[in-house]
């Protein structure tokens, strides 16, 4: 199995395992392995103004969902989670599909699955 296909398989498996959390949490959630291998719940797609999860998944540069001035701190928090296994919480401005900004609280939590480190994001509008 090619590396990309392996990651696709892992994101699907982990998303299925986390389905009760994705479906029942009052928060917007997204699961990230890399720009191509990610998933989110409908609340996350709705928060950013996408008509469906699939429409958001087409975005191959998810960092563009964060305002330029906040991207470095979000990337730093992601690094702490993915490399340092450290959860963190921060506020940032998200960019909706229509270009408008909203302030959000982001909690990033590292999780491992089958040897890969994923970062689970819980997001609430402030």
Foldseek 3Di string as FASTA:
>chain_A
DDPVVVLQVQLVVVCVVCVVVQPPPPWWKKKDQALQRIWTHQNVCVVQPHPGRVVVNVGSDQLLQFDPVCSVVVVVQVCCCQPVQDKDKDWGWTAHPVRDTFIKIWIWGWDDDPHGIMIMITIDTD
